[in-house]
Amino acid sequence: MSKIELIVNSLEQKVQRVLHKMTELKKDNAILKEELLKANALCSKQMQTLKQYEDDYKTLKFANSILGSDDSKRETKLKINSLIKEIDDCISNLSD
């Protein structure tokens, strides 16, 4: 075998290895993209759950303050005043 044939054969083998490696990397990339989508969906779901828990906490905190908790009488008064203002605004909008 001539020297040129050896170089060509060696080059062909290297190209085949690179192509094989590229195929493997494409498969790995597809798998990682799928995992990323799943992780993003899970994160989004957990953020929604967290938001719901925060809303529930605020509601419970308000309910406790209405029940006569001494810790947050000021907050209760402010919230009630805020609700009264909202009701007044609604009434004025309805009467227009």
Protein backbone atom coordinates (compact mmCIF):
# COMPACT_ATOMS: atom_id res chain seq x y z
CA MET A 1 0.00 0.00 0.00
CA SER A 2 1.30 3.36 -0.88
CA LYS A 3 1.80 6.13 1.58
CA ILE A 4 -1.08 8.17 0.11
CA GLU A 5 -3.49 5.24 0.54
CA LEU A 6 -2.49 4.91 4.19
CA ILE A 7 -3.07 8.61 4.75
CA VAL A 8 -6.46 8.45 2.99
CA ASN A 9 -7.49 5.37 5.01
CA SER A 10 -6.42 7.03 8.22
CA LEU A 11 -8.32 10.18 7.27
CA GLU A 12 -11.45 8.14 6.44
CA GLN A 13 -11.29 6.43 9.82
CA LYS A 14 -10.94 9.75 11.59
CA VAL A 15 -13.88 11.21 9.65
CA GLN A 16 -15.99 8.17 10.54
CA ARG A 17 -15.10 8.59 14.23
CA VAL A 18 -15.99 12.28 14.08
CA LEU A 19 -19.30 11.51 12.36
CA HIS A 20 -20.06 8.81 14.94
CA LYS A 21 -19.21 11.18 17.77
CA MET A 22 -21.39 13.88 16.20
CA THR A 23 -24.32 11.44 16.02
CA GLU A 24 -23.86 10.54 19.68
CA LEU A 25 -23.71 14.21 20.64
CA LYS A 26 -26.90 14.94 18.71
CA LYS A 27 -28.67 12.13 20.60
CA ASP A 28 -27.34 13.45 23.92
CA ASN A 29 -28.44 16.95 22.97
CA ALA A 30 -31.97 15.75 22.18
CA ILE A 31 -32.15 13.93 25.52
CA LEU A 32 -30.90 17.00 27.39
CA LYS A 33 -33.42 19.24 25.62
CA GLU A 34 -36.22 16.89 26.64
CA GLU A 35 -35.00 16.84 30.24
CA LEU A 36 -34.79 20.64 30.21
CA LEU A 37 -38.39 20.90 29.01
CA LYS A 38 -39.51 18.53 31.76
CA ALA A 39 -37.53 20.47 34.37
CA ASN A 40 -39.00 23.78 33.17
CA ALA A 41 -42.51 22.33 33.31
CA LEU A 42 -41.89 21.04 36.83
CA CYS A 43 -40.45 24.39 37.89
CA SER A 44 -43.47 26.21 36.48
CA LYS A 45 -45.83 23.86 38.28
CA GLN A 46 -43.95 24.34 41.54
CA MET A 47 -44.03 28.12 41.12
CA GLN A 48 -47.80 27.96 40.66
CA THR A 49 -48.09 25.80 43.77
CA LEU A 50 -45.90 28.23 45.70
CA LYS A 51 -48.05 31.16 44.56
CA GLN A 52 -51.17 29.32 45.69
CA TYR A 53 -49.58 28.60 49.08
CA GLU A 54 -48.61 32.24 49.45
CA ASP A 55 -52.17 33.32 48.65
CA ASP A 56 -53.54 30.78 51.13
CA TYR A 57 -51.11 32.03 53.77
CA LYS A 58 -52.22 35.63 53.25
CA THR A 59 -55.85 34.58 53.45
CA LEU A 60 -55.27 32.64 56.65
CA LYS A 61 -53.29 35.49 58.13
CA PHE A 62 -56.13 37.88 57.34
CA ALA A 63 -58.72 35.47 58.73
CA ASN A 64 -56.74 35.14 61.96
CA SER A 65 -56.51 38.89 62.26
CA ILE A 66 -60.27 39.22 61.82
CA LEU A 67 -60.82 36.64 64.53
CA GLY A 68 -59.29 39.03 67.00
CA SER A 69 -55.59 38.35 66.97
CA ASP A 70 -53.88 41.16 68.87
CA ASP A 71 -50.78 40.91 66.71
CA SER A 72 -52.30 42.39 63.60
CA LYS A 73 -55.15 44.69 64.55
CA ARG A 74 -53.58 47.51 62.56
CA GLU A 75 -53.28 45.29 59.48
CA THR A 76 -56.91 44.26 59.91
CA LYS A 77 -58.09 47.85 60.09
CA LEU A 78 -56.07 48.76 57.00
CA LYS A 79 -57.41 45.78 55.08
CA ILE A 80 -61.00 46.53 56.08
CA ASN A 81 -60.56 50.18 55.04
CA SER A 82 -59.11 49.03 51.74
CA LEU A 83 -62.07 46.69 51.17
CA ILE A 84 -64.52 49.48 52.03
CA LYS A 85 -62.83 51.79 49.52
CA GLU A 86 -63.01 49.08 46.84
CA ILE A 87 -66.71 48.55 47.58
CA ASP A 88 -67.33 52.31 47.41
CA ASP A 89 -65.54 52.48 44.06
CA CYS A 90 -67.63 49.61 42.74
CA ILE A 91 -70.83 51.26 43.91
CA SER A 92 -69.87 54.58 42.33
CA ASN A 93 -69.00 52.80 39.05
CA LEU A 94 -72.35 51.02 39.07
CA SER A 95 -74.26 54.23 39.71
CA ASP A 96 -72.61 56.02 36.77
